[in-house]
Amino acid sequence: LPFSLMQIALSLLARDTLHWGPAQVSSTFIAVGVCDIIAQGVLL
């Protein structure tokens, strides 16, 4: 529930608090994917 909440609200959070544009916001989702790969493929 909070993970799917984050997927909707994270871009709004970055826009409203840091005044980021689409390119900067997309970097956070790329970071999510990269961390997911490292966490499950290397750390786990």
PDB file of all heavy atoms in Angstrom:
ATOM      1  N   LEU A   1       0.823  -1.215   0.000  1.00  0.00           N
ATOM      2  CA  LEU A   1       0.000   0.000   0.000  1.00  0.00           C
ATOM      3  C   LEU A   1       0.859   1.268   0.000  1.00  0.00           C
ATOM      4  O   LEU A   1       0.685   2.129  -0.867  1.00  0.00           O
ATOM      5  CB  LEU A   1      -0.946  -0.018   1.206  1.00  0.00           C
ATOM      6  CG  LEU A   1      -2.204  -0.879   1.065  1.00  0.00           C
ATOM      7  CD1 LEU A   1      -2.902  -1.032   2.414  1.00  0.00           C
ATOM      8  CD2 LEU A   1      -3.159  -0.256   0.045  1.00  0.00           C
ATOM      9  N   PRO A   2       1.802   1.431   0.941  1.00  0.00           N
ATOM     10  CA  PRO A   2       2.642   2.639   0.871  1.00  0.00           C
ATOM     11  C   PRO A   2       3.596   2.652  -0.315  1.00  0.00           C
ATOM     12  O   PRO A   2       3.951   3.723  -0.815  1.00  0.00           O
ATOM     13  CB  PRO A   2       3.407   2.625   2.200  1.00  0.00           C
ATOM     14  CG  PRO A   2       3.289   1.252   2.727  1.00  0.00           C
ATOM     15  CD  PRO A   2       2.018   0.695   2.192  1.00  0.00           C
ATOM     16  N   PHE A   3       4.022   1.462  -0.800  1.00  0.00           N
ATOM     17  CA  PHE A   3       4.892   1.444  -1.981  1.00  0.00           C
ATOM     18  C   PHE A   3       4.144   1.990  -3.200  1.00  0.00           C
ATOM     19  O   PHE A   3       4.685   2.823  -3.942  1.00  0.00           O
ATOM     20  CB  PHE A   3       5.375   0.022  -2.252  1.00  0.00           C
ATOM     21  CG  PHE A   3       6.178  -0.109  -3.519  1.00  0.00           C
ATOM     22  CD1 PHE A   3       7.446   0.421  -3.610  1.00  0.00           C
ATOM     23  CD2 PHE A   3       5.653  -0.757  -4.635  1.00  0.00           C
ATOM     24  CE1 PHE A   3       8.195   0.317  -4.783  1.00  0.00           C
ATOM     25  CE2 PHE A   3       6.384  -0.868  -5.805  1.00  0.00           C
ATOM     26  CZ  PHE A   3       7.657  -0.330  -5.872  1.00  0.00           C
ATOM     27  N   SER A   4       2.910   1.539  -3.404  1.00  0.00           N
ATOM     28  CA  SER A   4       2.137   2.037  -4.542  1.00  0.00           C
ATOM     29  C   SER A   4       1.729   3.497  -4.328  1.00  0.00           C
ATOM     30  O   SER A   4       1.600   4.259  -5.293  1.00  0.00           O
ATOM     31  CB  SER A   4       0.912   1.154  -4.782  1.00  0.00           C
ATOM     32  OG  SER A   4       0.110   1.070  -3.624  1.00  0.00           O
ATOM     33  N   LEU A   5       1.512   3.894  -3.070  1.00  0.00           N
ATOM     34  CA  LEU A   5       1.274   5.306  -2.755  1.00  0.00           C
ATOM     35  C   LEU A   5       2.468   6.143  -3.189  1.00  0.00           C
ATOM     36  O   LEU A   5       2.324   7.210  -3.788  1.00  0.00           O
ATOM     37  CB  LEU A   5       1.011   5.439  -1.261  1.00  0.00           C
ATOM     38  CG  LEU A   5       0.826   6.813  -0.623  1.00  0.00           C
ATOM     39  CD1 LEU A   5       0.001   6.666   0.654  1.00  0.00           C
ATOM     40  CD2 LEU A   5       2.148   7.491  -0.265  1.00  0.00           C
ATOM     41  N   MET A   6       3.679   5.660  -2.880  1.00  0.00           N
ATOM     42  CA  MET A   6       4.896   6.388  -3.225  1.00  0.00           C
ATOM     43  C   MET A   6       5.019   6.579  -4.732  1.00  0.00           C
ATOM     44  O   MET A   6       5.472   7.627  -5.202  1.00  0.00           O
ATOM     45  CB  MET A   6       6.118   5.647  -2.689  1.00  0.00           C
ATOM     46  CG  MET A   6       7.432   6.373  -2.902  1.00  0.00           C
ATOM     47  SD  MET A   6       8.859   5.278  -2.979  1.00  0.00           S
ATOM     48  CE  MET A   6       8.605   4.451  -4.547  1.00  0.00           C
ATOM     49  N   GLN A   7       4.627   5.556  -5.511  1.00  0.00           N
ATOM     50  CA  GLN A   7       4.754   5.660  -6.962  1.00  0.00           C
ATOM     51  C   GLN A   7       3.948   6.834  -7.516  1.00  0.00           C
ATOM     52  O   GLN A   7       4.334   7.437  -8.511  1.00  0.00           O
ATOM     53  CB  GLN A   7       4.294   4.352  -7.615  1.00  0.00           C
ATOM     54  CG  GLN A   7       5.231   3.182  -7.359  1.00  0.00           C
ATOM     55  CD  GLN A   7       4.721   1.888  -7.943  1.00  0.00           C
ATOM     56  OE1 GLN A   7       3.556   1.521  -7.774  1.00  0.00           O
ATOM     57  NE2 GLN A   7       5.569   1.170  -8.633  1.00  0.00           N
ATOM     58  N   ILE A   8       2.826   7.150  -6.867  1.00  0.00           N
ATOM     59  CA  ILE A   8       1.999   8.275  -7.301  1.00  0.00           C
ATOM     60  C   ILE A   8       2.512   9.591  -6.726  1.00  0.00           C
ATOM     61  O   ILE A   8       2.593  10.602  -7.420  1.00  0.00           O
ATOM     62  CB  ILE A   8       0.534   8.041  -6.860  1.00  0.00           C
ATOM     63  CG1 ILE A   8      -0.050   6.839  -7.603  1.00  0.00           C
ATOM     64  CG2 ILE A   8      -0.311   9.287  -7.106  1.00  0.00           C
ATOM     65  CD1 ILE A   8      -0.151   7.007  -9.094  1.00  0.00           C
ATOM     66  N   ALA A   9       2.867   9.583  -5.444  1.00  0.00           N
ATOM     67  CA  ALA A   9       3.139  10.838  -4.735  1.00  0.00           C
ATOM     68  C   ALA A   9       4.587  11.298  -4.810  1.00  0.00           C
ATOM     69  O   ALA A   9       4.875  12.463  -4.529  1.00  0.00           O
ATOM     70  CB  ALA A   9       2.717  10.692  -3.263  1.00  0.00           C
ATOM     71  N   LEU A  10       5.523  10.420  -5.199  1.00  0.00           N
ATOM     72  CA  LEU A  10       6.929  10.810  -5.179  1.00  0.00           C
ATOM     73  C   LEU A  10       7.214  11.948  -6.153  1.00  0.00           C
ATOM     74  O   LEU A  10       7.931  12.905  -5.828  1.00  0.00           O
ATOM     75  CB  LEU A  10       7.817   9.604  -5.511  1.00  0.00           C
ATOM     76  CG  LEU A  10       9.325   9.859  -5.489  1.00  0.00           C
ATOM     77  CD1 LEU A  10       9.778  10.306  -4.100  1.00  0.00           C
ATOM     78  CD2 LEU A  10      10.087   8.609  -5.912  1.00  0.00           C
ATOM     79  N   SER A  11       6.665  11.871  -7.358  1.00  0.00           N
ATOM     80  CA  SER A  11       6.909  12.935  -8.335  1.00  0.00           C
ATOM     81  C   SER A  11       6.296  14.254  -7.865  1.00  0.00           C
ATOM     82  O   SER A  11       6.871  15.334  -8.076  1.00  0.00           O
ATOM     83  CB  SER A  11       6.338  12.538  -9.704  1.00  0.00           C
ATOM     84  OG  SER A  11       4.961  12.244  -9.604  1.00  0.00           O
ATOM     85  N   LEU A  12       5.121  14.185  -7.216  1.00  0.00           N
ATOM     86  CA  LEU A  12       4.510  15.396  -6.666  1.00  0.00           C
ATOM     87  C   LEU A  12       5.365  15.971  -5.547  1.00  0.00           C
ATOM     88  O   LEU A  12       5.531  17.191  -5.436  1.00  0.00           O
ATOM     89  CB  LEU A  12       3.103  15.079  -6.149  1.00  0.00           C
ATOM     90  CG  LEU A  12       2.090  14.584  -7.178  1.00  0.00           C
ATOM     91  CD1 LEU A  12       0.812  14.131  -6.484  1.00  0.00           C
ATOM     92  CD2 LEU A  12       1.785  15.679  -8.190  1.00  0.00           C
ATOM     93  N   LEU A  13       5.910  15.094  -4.711  1.00  0.00           N
ATOM     94  CA  LEU A  13       6.769  15.538  -3.620  1.00  0.00           C
ATOM     95  C   LEU A  13       7.991  16.274  -4.153  1.00  0.00           C
ATOM     96  O   LEU A  13       8.344  17.359  -3.672  1.00  0.00           O
ATOM     97  CB  LEU A  13       7.196  14.326  -2.788  1.00  0.00           C
ATOM     98  CG  LEU A  13       8.173  14.591  -1.642  1.00  0.00           C
ATOM     99  CD1 LEU A  13       7.503  15.387  -0.528  1.00  0.00           C
ATOM    100  CD2 LEU A  13       8.729  13.268  -1.093  1.00  0.00           C
ATOM    101  N   ALA A  14       8.655  15.692  -5.170  1.00  0.00           N
ATOM    102  CA  ALA A  14       9.852  16.325  -5.738  1.00  0.00           C
ATOM    103  C   ALA A  14       9.501  17.646  -6.414  1.00  0.00           C
ATOM    104  O   ALA A  14      10.250  18.628  -6.305  1.00  0.00           O
ATOM    105  CB  ALA A  14      10.509  15.367  -6.729  1.00  0.00           C
ATOM    106  N   ARG A  15       8.374  17.681  -7.107  1.00  0.00           N
ATOM    107  CA  ARG A  15       7.965  18.919  -7.785  1.00  0.00           C
ATOM    108  C   ARG A  15       7.635  20.024  -6.780  1.00  0.00           C
ATOM    109  O   ARG A  15       8.047  21.177  -6.941  1.00  0.00           O
ATOM    110  CB  ARG A  15       6.747  18.640  -8.669  1.00  0.00           C
ATOM    111  CG  ARG A  15       6.277  19.846  -9.487  1.00  0.00           C
ATOM    112  CD  ARG A  15       4.871  19.632 -10.004  1.00  0.00           C
ATOM    113  NE  ARG A  15       3.891  19.604  -8.918  1.00  0.00           N
ATOM    114  CZ  ARG A  15       2.596  19.324  -9.082  1.00  0.00           C
ATOM    115  NH1 ARG A  15       2.143  19.020 -10.287  1.00  0.00           N
ATOM    116  NH2 ARG A  15       1.765  19.328  -8.046  1.00  0.00           N
ATOM    117  N   ASP A  16       6.892  19.676  -5.734  1.00  0.00           N
ATOM    118  CA  ASP A  16       6.371  20.698  -4.821  1.00  0.00           C
ATOM    119  C   ASP A  16       7.402  21.166  -3.805  1.00  0.00           C
ATOM    120  O   ASP A  16       7.340  22.320  -3.356  1.00  0.00           O
ATOM    121  CB  ASP A  16       5.144  20.150  -4.079  1.00  0.00           C
ATOM    122  CG  ASP A  16       3.985  19.850  -5.016  1.00  0.00           C
ATOM    123  OD1 ASP A  16       3.995  20.366  -6.148  1.00  0.00           O
ATOM    124  OD2 ASP A  16       3.079  19.085  -4.621  1.00  0.00           O
ATOM    125  N   THR A  17       8.331  20.290  -3.416  1.00  0.00           N
ATOM    126  CA  THR A  17       9.296  20.682  -2.383  1.00  0.00           C
ATOM    127  C   THR A  17      10.634  21.125  -2.953  1.00  0.00           C
ATOM    128  O   THR A  17      11.275  22.029  -2.404  1.00  0.00           O
ATOM    129  CB  THR A  17       9.533  19.522  -1.397  1.00  0.00           C
ATOM    130  OG1 THR A  17      10.029  18.384  -2.115  1.00  0.00           O
ATOM    131  CG2 THR A  17       8.249  19.142  -0.679  1.00  0.00           C
ATOM    132  N   LEU A  18      11.068  20.500  -4.045  1.00  0.00           N
ATOM    133  CA  LEU A  18      12.363  20.833  -4.638  1.00  0.00           C
ATOM    134  C   LEU A  18      12.227  21.572  -5.967  1.00  0.00           C
ATOM    135  O   LEU A  18      13.236  21.957  -6.563  1.00  0.00           O
ATOM    136  CB  LEU A  18      13.187  19.558  -4.839  1.00  0.00           C
ATOM    137  CG  LEU A  18      13.485  18.741  -3.572  1.00  0.00           C
ATOM    138  CD1 LEU A  18      14.221  17.451  -3.924  1.00  0.00           C
ATOM    139  CD2 LEU A  18      14.289  19.561  -2.575  1.00  0.00           C
ATOM    140  N   HIS A  19      10.993  21.699  -6.447  1.00  0.00           N
ATOM    141  CA  HIS A  19      10.700  22.391  -7.707  1.00  0.00           C
ATOM    142  C   HIS A  19      11.411  21.745  -8.896  1.00  0.00           C
ATOM    143  O   HIS A  19      11.936  22.418  -9.786  1.00  0.00           O
ATOM    144  CB  HIS A  19      11.076  23.872  -7.600  1.00  0.00           C
ATOM    145  CG  HIS A  19      10.510  24.545  -6.382  1.00  0.00           C
ATOM    146  ND1 HIS A  19       9.157  24.765  -6.203  1.00  0.00           N
ATOM    147  CD2 HIS A  19      11.118  25.006  -5.250  1.00  0.00           C
ATOM    148  CE1 HIS A  19       8.949  25.352  -5.030  1.00  0.00           C
ATOM    149  NE2 HIS A  19      10.124  25.501  -4.428  1.00  0.00           N
ATOM    150  N   TRP A  20      11.437  20.417  -8.895  1.00  0.00           N
ATOM    151  CA  TRP A  20      12.074  19.669  -9.963  1.00  0.00           C
ATOM    152  C   TRP A  20      11.159  19.565 -11.175  1.00  0.00           C
ATOM    153  O   TRP A  20       9.926  19.572 -11.067  1.00  0.00           O
ATOM    154  CB  TRP A  20      12.422  18.255  -9.482  1.00  0.00           C
ATOM    155  CG  TRP A  20      13.660  18.208  -8.644  1.00  0.00           C
ATOM    156  CD1 TRP A  20      14.418  19.260  -8.225  1.00  0.00           C
ATOM    157  CD2 TRP A  20      14.280  17.029  -8.124  1.00  0.00           C
ATOM    158  NE1 TRP A  20      15.487  18.822  -7.481  1.00  0.00           N
ATOM    159  CE2 TRP A  20      15.426  17.450  -7.402  1.00  0.00           C
ATOM    160  CE3 TRP A  20      14.000  15.675  -8.203  1.00  0.00           C
ATOM    161  CZ2 TRP A  20      16.271  16.565  -6.766  1.00  0.00           C
ATOM    162  CZ3 TRP A  20      14.842  14.781  -7.564  1.00  0.00           C
ATOM    163  CH2 TRP A  20      15.964  15.220  -6.852  1.00  0.00           C
ATOM    164  N   GLY A  21      11.810  19.419 -12.352  1.00  0.00           N
ATOM    165  CA  GLY A  21      11.090  19.162 -13.582  1.00  0.00           C
ATOM    166  C   GLY A  21      11.044  17.669 -13.881  1.00  0.00           C
ATOM    167  O   GLY A  21      11.563  16.850 -13.123  1.00  0.00           O
ATOM    168  N   PRO A  22      10.460  17.301 -15.029  1.00  0.00           N
ATOM    169  CA  PRO A  22      10.289  15.885 -15.362  1.00  0.00           C
ATOM    170  C   PRO A  22      11.599  15.100 -15.418  1.00  0.00           C
ATOM    171  O   PRO A  22      11.666  13.955 -14.969  1.00  0.00           O
ATOM    172  CB  PRO A  22       9.605  15.915 -16.735  1.00  0.00           C
ATOM    173  CG  PRO A  22       8.920  17.241 -16.784  1.00  0.00           C
ATOM    174  CD  PRO A  22       9.804  18.178 -16.010  1.00  0.00           C
ATOM    175  N   ALA A  23      12.653  15.694 -15.987  1.00  0.00           N
ATOM    176  CA  ALA A  23      13.920  14.965 -16.111  1.00  0.00           C
ATOM    177  C   ALA A  23      14.508  14.651 -14.745  1.00  0.00           C
ATOM    178  O   ALA A  23      15.000  13.540 -14.508  1.00  0.00           O
ATOM    179  CB  ALA A  23      14.914  15.781 -16.931  1.00  0.00           C
ATOM    180  N   GLN A  24      14.459  15.608 -13.829  1.00  0.00           N
ATOM    181  CA  GLN A  24      14.991  15.357 -12.493  1.00  0.00           C
ATOM    182  C   GLN A  24      14.139  14.341 -11.738  1.00  0.00           C
ATOM    183  O   GLN A  24      14.662  13.489 -11.027  1.00  0.00           O
ATOM    184  CB  GLN A  24      15.062  16.673 -11.711  1.00  0.00           C
ATOM    185  CG  GLN A  24      16.103  17.650 -12.235  1.00  0.00           C
ATOM    186  CD  GLN A  24      15.946  19.031 -11.623  1.00  0.00           C
ATOM    187  OE1 GLN A  24      14.909  19.659 -11.769  1.00  0.00           O
ATOM    188  NE2 GLN A  24      16.987  19.498 -10.941  1.00  0.00           N
ATOM    189  N   VAL A  25      12.816  14.445 -11.904  1.00  0.00           N
ATOM    190  CA  VAL A  25      11.924  13.484 -11.239  1.00  0.00           C
ATOM    191  C   VAL A  25      12.191  12.070 -11.739  1.00  0.00           C
ATOM    192  O   VAL A  25      12.208  11.105 -10.962  1.00  0.00           O
ATOM    193  CB  VAL A  25      10.453  13.867 -11.454  1.00  0.00           C
ATOM    194  CG1 VAL A  25       9.526  12.758 -10.963  1.00  0.00           C
ATOM    195  CG2 VAL A  25      10.131  15.171 -10.729  1.00  0.00           C
ATOM    196  N   SER A  26      12.427  11.929 -13.047  1.00  0.00           N
ATOM    197  CA  SER A  26      12.662  10.594 -13.602  1.00  0.00           C
ATOM    198  C   SER A  26      13.911   9.957 -13.009  1.00  0.00           C
ATOM    199  O   SER A  26      14.006   8.732 -12.919  1.00  0.00           O
ATOM    200  CB  SER A  26      12.790  10.655 -15.128  1.00  0.00           C
ATOM    201  OG  SER A  26      13.972  11.348 -15.504  1.00  0.00           O
ATOM    202  N   SER A  27      14.864  10.780 -12.565  1.00  0.00           N
ATOM    203  CA  SER A  27      16.091  10.227 -11.990  1.00  0.00           C
ATOM    204  C   SER A  27      15.793   9.456 -10.709  1.00  0.00           C
ATOM    205  O   SER A  27      16.505   8.500 -10.379  1.00  0.00           O
ATOM    206  CB  SER A  27      17.105  11.343 -11.706  1.00  0.00           C
ATOM    207  OG  SER A  27      16.654  12.191 -10.661  1.00  0.00           O
ATOM    208  N   THR A  28      14.762   9.850  -9.975  1.00  0.00           N
ATOM    209  CA  THR A  28      14.421   9.124  -8.748  1.00  0.00           C
ATOM    210  C   THR A  28      13.879   7.738  -9.079  1.00  0.00           C
ATOM    211  O   THR A  28      14.177   6.767  -8.370  1.00  0.00           O
ATOM    212  CB  THR A  28      13.388   9.903  -7.914  1.00  0.00           C
ATOM    213  OG1 THR A  28      12.182  10.068  -8.666  1.00  0.00           O
ATOM    214  CG2 THR A  28      13.936  11.267  -7.521  1.00  0.00           C
ATOM    215  N   PHE A  29      13.108   7.614 -10.150  1.00  0.00           N
ATOM    216  CA  PHE A  29      12.579   6.308 -10.525  1.00  0.00           C
ATOM    217  C   PHE A  29      13.675   5.407 -11.090  1.00  0.00           C
ATOM    218  O   PHE A  29      13.661   4.190 -10.894  1.00  0.00           O
ATOM    219  CB  PHE A  29      11.428   6.469 -11.524  1.00  0.00           C
ATOM    220  CG  PHE A  29      10.185   7.031 -10.902  1.00  0.00           C
ATOM    221  CD1 PHE A  29       9.901   8.383 -10.976  1.00  0.00           C
ATOM    222  CD2 PHE A  29       9.304   6.207 -10.217  1.00  0.00           C
ATOM    223  CE1 PHE A  29       8.762   8.903 -10.392  1.00  0.00           C
ATOM    224  CE2 PHE A  29       8.160   6.716  -9.627  1.00  0.00           C
ATOM    225  CZ  PHE A  29       7.886   8.069  -9.708  1.00  0.00           C
ATOM    226  N   ILE A  30      14.630   6.016 -11.794  1.00  0.00           N
ATOM    227  CA  ILE A  30      15.795   5.239 -12.229  1.00  0.00           C
ATOM    228  C   ILE A  30      16.567   4.730 -11.018  1.00  0.00           C
ATOM    229  O   ILE A  30      17.016   3.578 -10.983  1.00  0.00           O
ATOM    230  CB  ILE A  30      16.694   6.094 -13.140  1.00  0.00           C
ATOM    231  CG1 ILE A  30      15.964   6.396 -14.460  1.00  0.00           C
ATOM    232  CG2 ILE A  30      18.011   5.390 -13.418  1.00  0.00           C
ATOM    233  CD1 ILE A  30      16.698   7.384 -15.349  1.00  0.00           C
ATOM    234  N   ALA A  31      16.685   5.581 -10.005  1.00  0.00           N
ATOM    235  CA  ALA A  31      17.375   5.168  -8.782  1.00  0.00           C
ATOM    236  C   ALA A  31      16.661   4.000  -8.120  1.00  0.00           C
ATOM    237  O   ALA A  31      17.300   3.068  -7.612  1.00  0.00           O
ATOM    238  CB  ALA A  31      17.470   6.351  -7.804  1.00  0.00           C
ATOM    239  N   VAL A  32      15.314   4.015  -8.145  1.00  0.00           N
ATOM    240  CA  VAL A  32      14.541   2.902  -7.588  1.00  0.00           C
ATOM    241  C   VAL A  32      14.880   1.601  -8.307  1.00  0.00           C
ATOM    242  O   VAL A  32      15.134   0.560  -7.689  1.00  0.00           O
ATOM    243  CB  VAL A  32      13.028   3.185  -7.672  1.00  0.00           C
ATOM    244  CG1 VAL A  32      12.218   1.922  -7.338  1.00  0.00           C
ATOM    245  CG2 VAL A  32      12.634   4.308  -6.722  1.00  0.00           C
ATOM    246  N   GLY A  33      14.903   1.656  -9.648  1.00  0.00           N
ATOM    247  CA  GLY A  33      15.205   0.451 -10.419  1.00  0.00           C
ATOM    248  C   GLY A  33      16.617  -0.058 -10.187  1.00  0.00           C
ATOM    249  O   GLY A  33      16.839  -1.258 -10.025  1.00  0.00           O
ATOM    250  N   VAL A  34      17.581   0.861 -10.168  1.00  0.00           N
ATOM    251  CA  VAL A  34      18.975   0.452  -9.956  1.00  0.00           C
ATOM    252  C   VAL A  34      19.146  -0.169  -8.577  1.00  0.00           C
ATOM    253  O   VAL A  34      19.805  -1.214  -8.417  1.00  0.00           O
ATOM    254  CB  VAL A  34      19.920   1.667 -10.138  1.00  0.00           C
ATOM    255  CG1 VAL A  34      21.326   1.310  -9.709  1.00  0.00           C
ATOM    256  CG2 VAL A  34      19.906   2.130 -11.588  1.00  0.00           C
ATOM    257  N   CYS A  35      18.559   0.451  -7.553  1.00  0.00           N
ATOM    258  CA  CYS A  35      18.659  -0.099  -6.193  1.00  0.00           C
ATOM    259  C   CYS A  35      17.987  -1.459  -6.106  1.00  0.00           C
ATOM    260  O   CYS A  35      18.476  -2.350  -5.386  1.00  0.00           O
ATOM    261  CB  CYS A  35      18.018   0.866  -5.189  1.00  0.00           C
ATOM    262  SG  CYS A  35      18.946   2.375  -4.926  1.00  0.00           S
ATOM    263  N   ASP A  36      16.890  -1.634  -6.820  1.00  0.00           N
ATOM    264  CA  ASP A  36      16.193  -2.922  -6.818  1.00  0.00           C
ATOM    265  C   ASP A  36      17.093  -4.014  -7.386  1.00  0.00           C
ATOM    266  O   ASP A  36      17.162  -5.123  -6.850  1.00  0.00           O
ATOM    267  CB  ASP A  36      14.908  -2.805  -7.649  1.00  0.00           C
ATOM    268  CG  ASP A  36      13.871  -3.836  -7.253  1.00  0.00           C
ATOM    269  OD1 ASP A  36      13.651  -4.022  -6.046  1.00  0.00           O
ATOM    270  OD2 ASP A  36      13.296  -4.465  -8.154  1.00  0.00           O
ATOM    271  N   ILE A  37      17.801  -3.703  -8.476  1.00  0.00           N
ATOM    272  CA  ILE A  37      18.703  -4.678  -9.088  1.00  0.00           C
ATOM    273  C   ILE A  37      19.852  -5.018  -8.137  1.00  0.00           C
ATOM    274  O   ILE A  37      20.174  -6.194  -7.907  1.00  0.00           O
ATOM    275  CB  ILE A  37      19.264  -4.126 -10.414  1.00  0.00           C
ATOM    276  CG1 ILE A  37      18.138  -3.963 -11.444  1.00  0.00           C
ATOM    277  CG2 ILE A  37      20.344  -5.048 -10.973  1.00  0.00           C
ATOM    278  CD1 ILE A  37      18.563  -3.214 -12.679  1.00  0.00           C
ATOM    279  N   ILE A  38      20.472  -3.993  -7.566  1.00  0.00           N
ATOM    280  CA  ILE A  38      21.613  -4.228  -6.673  1.00  0.00           C
ATOM    281  C   ILE A  38      21.169  -4.981  -5.420  1.00  0.00           C
ATOM    282  O   ILE A  38      21.829  -5.928  -4.972  1.00  0.00           O
ATOM    283  CB  ILE A  38      22.281  -2.891  -6.302  1.00  0.00           C
ATOM    284  CG1 ILE A  38      22.908  -2.250  -7.551  1.00  0.00           C
ATOM    285  CG2 ILE A  38      23.347  -3.099  -5.221  1.00  0.00           C
ATOM    286  CD1 ILE A  38      23.449  -0.859  -7.323  1.00  0.00           C
ATOM    287  N   ALA A  39      20.017  -4.583  -4.861  1.00  0.00           N
ATOM    288  CA  ALA A  39      19.549  -5.197  -3.613  1.00  0.00           C
ATOM    289  C   ALA A  39      19.274  -6.680  -3.799  1.00  0.00           C
ATOM    290  O   ALA A  39      19.688  -7.519  -2.987  1.00  0.00           O
ATOM    291  CB  ALA A  39      18.301  -4.472  -3.115  1.00  0.00           C
ATOM    292  N   GLN A  40      18.563  -7.029  -4.895  1.00  0.00           N
ATOM    293  CA  GLN A  40      18.158  -8.415  -5.077  1.00  0.00           C
ATOM    294  C   GLN A  40      19.233  -9.258  -5.760  1.00  0.00           C
ATOM    295  O   GLN A  40      19.325 -10.463  -5.508  1.00  0.00           O
ATOM    296  CB  GLN A  40      16.865  -8.472  -5.886  1.00  0.00           C
ATOM    297  CG  GLN A  40      15.709  -7.777  -5.173  1.00  0.00           C
ATOM    298  CD  GLN A  40      14.375  -8.081  -5.810  1.00  0.00           C
ATOM    299  OE1 GLN A  40      13.966  -9.220  -5.922  1.00  0.00           O
ATOM    300  NE2 GLN A  40      13.676  -7.030  -6.234  1.00  0.00           N
ATOM    301  N   GLY A  41      20.023  -8.635  -6.612  1.00  0.00           N
ATOM    302  CA  GLY A  41      21.025  -9.413  -7.328  1.00  0.00           C
ATOM    303  C   GLY A  41      22.360  -9.526  -6.623  1.00  0.00           C
ATOM    304  O   GLY A  41      23.094 -10.498  -6.823  1.00  0.00           O
ATOM    305  N   VAL A  42      22.701  -8.543  -5.762  1.00  0.00           N
ATOM    306  CA  VAL A  42      24.022  -8.517  -5.129  1.00  0.00           C
ATOM    307  C   VAL A  42      23.927  -8.673  -3.610  1.00  0.00           C
ATOM    308  O   VAL A  42      24.561  -9.555  -3.017  1.00  0.00           O
ATOM    309  CB  VAL A  42      24.764  -7.207  -5.478  1.00  0.00           C
ATOM    310  CG1 VAL A  42      26.126  -7.176  -4.799  1.00  0.00           C
ATOM    311  CG2 VAL A  42      24.908  -7.055  -6.989  1.00  0.00           C
ATOM    312  N   LEU A  43      23.126  -7.829  -2.967  1.00  0.00           N
ATOM    313  CA  LEU A  43      23.063  -7.833  -1.508  1.00  0.00           C
ATOM    314  C   LEU A  43      22.313  -9.033  -0.949  1.00  0.00           C
ATOM    315  O   LEU A  43      22.675  -9.571   0.104  1.00  0.00           O
ATOM    316  CB  LEU A  43      22.393  -6.545  -1.017  1.00  0.00           C
ATOM    317  CG  LEU A  43      23.151  -5.236  -1.200  1.00  0.00           C
ATOM    318  CD1 LEU A  43      22.324  -4.068  -0.673  1.00  0.00           C
ATOM    319  CD2 LEU A  43      24.487  -5.296  -0.475  1.00  0.00           C
ATOM    320  N   LEU A  44      21.242  -9.445  -1.629  1.00  0.00           N
ATOM    321  CA  LEU A  44      20.347 -10.447  -1.047  1.00  0.00           C
ATOM    322  C   LEU A  44      21.043 -11.764  -0.714  1.00  0.00           C
ATOM    323  O   LEU A  44      20.871 -12.285   0.403  1.00  0.00           O
ATOM    324  CB  LEU A  44      19.153 -10.673  -1.976  1.00  0.00           C
ATOM    325  CG  LEU A  44      18.065 -11.581  -1.420  1.00  0.00           C
ATOM    326  CD1 LEU A  44      17.422 -10.980  -0.176  1.00  0.00           C
ATOM    327  CD2 LEU A  44      16.999 -11.857  -2.478  1.00  0.00           C
TER     328      LEU A  44
END
